[in-house]
Amino acid sequence: MMGWHLEKTASTCRERSGGQGYLAANRFIDYIAMAHAAMTAEGDNRILMTKIVKDMITRHIKEKKPLPAQKYNPKTQLASFMDVTQPDVLLDLFTFRQRTLFAKLLNTQKEL
C-alpha cells in the first residue's frame, strides 16, 4: 500500500507544482519511478501476508497460542485517554484491531 500512497503523493505534488514539478531538481519523477517499483513488488507482499495469516490461524487453532494481550479496552476506555499518541496506548489500539480482525476472520472461516 505504501507504493500506491507514494505514487499518489508524488504525482499530486508534481501536478500542483505546475511547470516546476517537471524539473529534475524537485525529484518528483524519481519518486514516481520508485513508487512504480514498489507497486510491482507489493504483489509479492500479498502472497507473504497470506502465508502469515495462514500460520497465525494454524498456531491459534492447532497449538492453542493466544493472541497478544491488551492492557486497555479501547471500546470502553478510548474516551478517557488524554493522549492516544502514547506508545503503549497505540500498541493496545493496534492489538485491539488485530484481535478484532482475527476473530472476524476465524468466524468467516467457520462459516465456510
Protein backbone atom coordinates (compact mmCIF):
# COMPACT_ATOMS: atom_id res chain seq x y z
CA MET A 1 0.00 0.00 0.00
CA MET A 2 2.90 2.34 0.64
CA GLY A 3 3.85 2.23 -3.03
CA TRP A 4 0.37 3.35 -4.02
CA HIS A 5 0.43 6.17 -1.47
CA LEU A 6 3.89 7.30 -2.61
CA GLU A 7 2.80 7.37 -6.24
CA LYS A 8 -0.35 9.34 -5.46
CA THR A 9 1.50 11.81 -3.22
CA ALA A 10 4.38 12.38 -5.66
CA SER A 11 2.01 12.75 -8.61
CA THR A 12 -0.21 15.21 -6.72
CA CYS A 13 2.79 17.27 -5.65
CA ARG A 14 4.17 17.30 -9.20
CA GLU A 15 0.80 18.36 -10.64
CA ARG A 16 0.24 21.09 -8.06
CA SER A 17 3.73 22.47 -8.56
CA GLY A 18 2.87 23.36 -12.14
CA GLY A 19 5.85 23.64 -14.51
CA GLN A 20 8.26 23.44 -11.58
CA GLY A 21 7.07 19.89 -10.93
CA TYR A 22 8.78 18.70 -14.12
CA LEU A 23 12.21 19.99 -13.09
CA ALA A 24 14.76 17.32 -12.18
CA ALA A 25 15.76 19.31 -9.08
CA ASN A 26 12.40 18.53 -7.46
CA ARG A 27 12.93 14.76 -7.94
CA PHE A 28 9.21 14.04 -8.30
CA ILE A 29 9.89 11.81 -11.31
CA ASP A 30 12.43 9.82 -9.23
CA TYR A 31 9.85 9.28 -6.51
CA ILE A 32 7.18 8.28 -9.01
CA ALA A 33 9.60 5.73 -10.53
CA MET A 34 10.36 4.34 -7.05
CA ALA A 35 6.63 4.12 -6.36
CA HIS A 36 6.05 2.11 -9.53
CA ALA A 37 8.79 -0.33 -8.49
CA ALA A 38 7.21 -0.65 -5.03
CA MET A 39 3.74 -1.17 -6.51
CA THR A 40 5.12 -4.04 -8.59
CA ALA A 41 6.75 -5.60 -5.52
CA GLU A 42 3.57 -5.23 -3.46
CA GLY A 43 2.04 -8.12 -5.36
CA ASP A 44 4.64 -10.30 -3.65
CA ASN A 45 3.65 -8.82 -0.28
CA ARG A 46 0.11 -10.12 -0.67
CA ILE A 47 1.45 -13.65 -1.01
CA LEU A 48 3.62 -13.14 2.07
CA MET A 49 0.68 -11.76 4.09
CA THR A 50 -1.46 -14.75 3.08
CA LYS A 51 1.22 -17.09 4.40
CA ILE A 52 1.49 -15.12 7.66
CA VAL A 53 -2.27 -15.26 8.23
CA LYS A 54 -2.29 -19.00 7.50
CA ASP A 55 0.48 -19.50 10.05
CA MET A 56 -1.38 -17.39 12.63
CA ILE A 57 -4.55 -19.44 12.16
CA THR A 58 -2.58 -22.67 12.45
CA ARG A 59 -0.85 -21.53 15.63
CA HIS A 60 -4.12 -20.31 17.13
CA ILE A 61 -6.20 -23.40 16.32
CA LYS A 62 -3.76 -26.31 16.48
CA GLU A 63 -1.24 -25.10 19.03
CA LYS A 64 -3.72 -23.06 21.11
CA LYS A 65 -1.48 -19.98 21.01
CA PRO A 66 -3.36 -16.93 22.31
CA LEU A 67 -3.38 -13.59 20.58
CA PRO A 68 -1.42 -10.74 22.20
CA ALA A 69 -2.97 -9.45 25.43
CA GLN A 70 -4.24 -5.90 25.93
CA LYS A 71 -3.79 -3.54 28.87
CA TYR A 72 -6.76 -1.36 27.96
CA ASN A 73 -10.16 -1.90 26.40
CA PRO A 74 -10.47 0.74 23.67
CA LYS A 75 -14.22 0.19 23.33
CA THR A 76 -14.87 1.39 26.87
CA GLN A 77 -11.79 3.49 27.68
CA LEU A 78 -10.96 5.36 24.47
CA ALA A 79 -12.88 8.48 25.51
CA SER A 80 -10.92 8.65 28.77
CA PHE A 81 -7.46 8.61 27.15
CA MET A 82 -5.80 12.01 27.41
CA ASP A 83 -3.24 11.30 24.69
CA VAL A 84 -3.71 8.49 22.20
CA THR A 85 -0.24 9.09 20.72
CA GLN A 86 1.48 7.40 23.66
CA PRO A 87 3.27 4.22 22.50
CA ASP A 88 1.53 1.91 25.00
CA VAL A 89 -1.90 3.25 24.01
CA LEU A 90 -1.12 2.95 20.30
CA LEU A 91 0.16 -0.59 20.80
CA ASP A 92 -3.07 -1.50 22.57
CA LEU A 93 -5.16 0.06 19.79
CA PHE A 94 -3.25 -1.95 17.17
CA THR A 95 -3.55 -5.10 19.31
CA PHE A 96 -7.30 -4.50 19.65
CA ARG A 97 -7.59 -4.09 15.88
CA GLN A 98 -5.56 -7.26 15.29
CA ARG A 99 -7.69 -9.26 17.72
CA THR A 100 -10.94 -7.92 16.24
CA LEU A 101 -9.95 -8.62 12.63
CA PHE A 102 -8.55 -12.04 13.51
CA ALA A 103 -11.76 -13.01 15.33
CA LYS A 104 -13.78 -11.84 12.32
CA LEU A 105 -11.56 -13.93 10.02
CA LEU A 106 -11.97 -17.02 12.20
CA ASN A 107 -15.77 -16.59 12.24
CA THR A 108 -15.82 -16.19 8.46
CA GLN A 109 -13.68 -19.29 8.10
CA LYS A 110 -16.03 -21.32 10.32
CA GLU A 111 -18.99 -20.30 8.15
CA LEU A 112 -17.34 -21.64 5.00
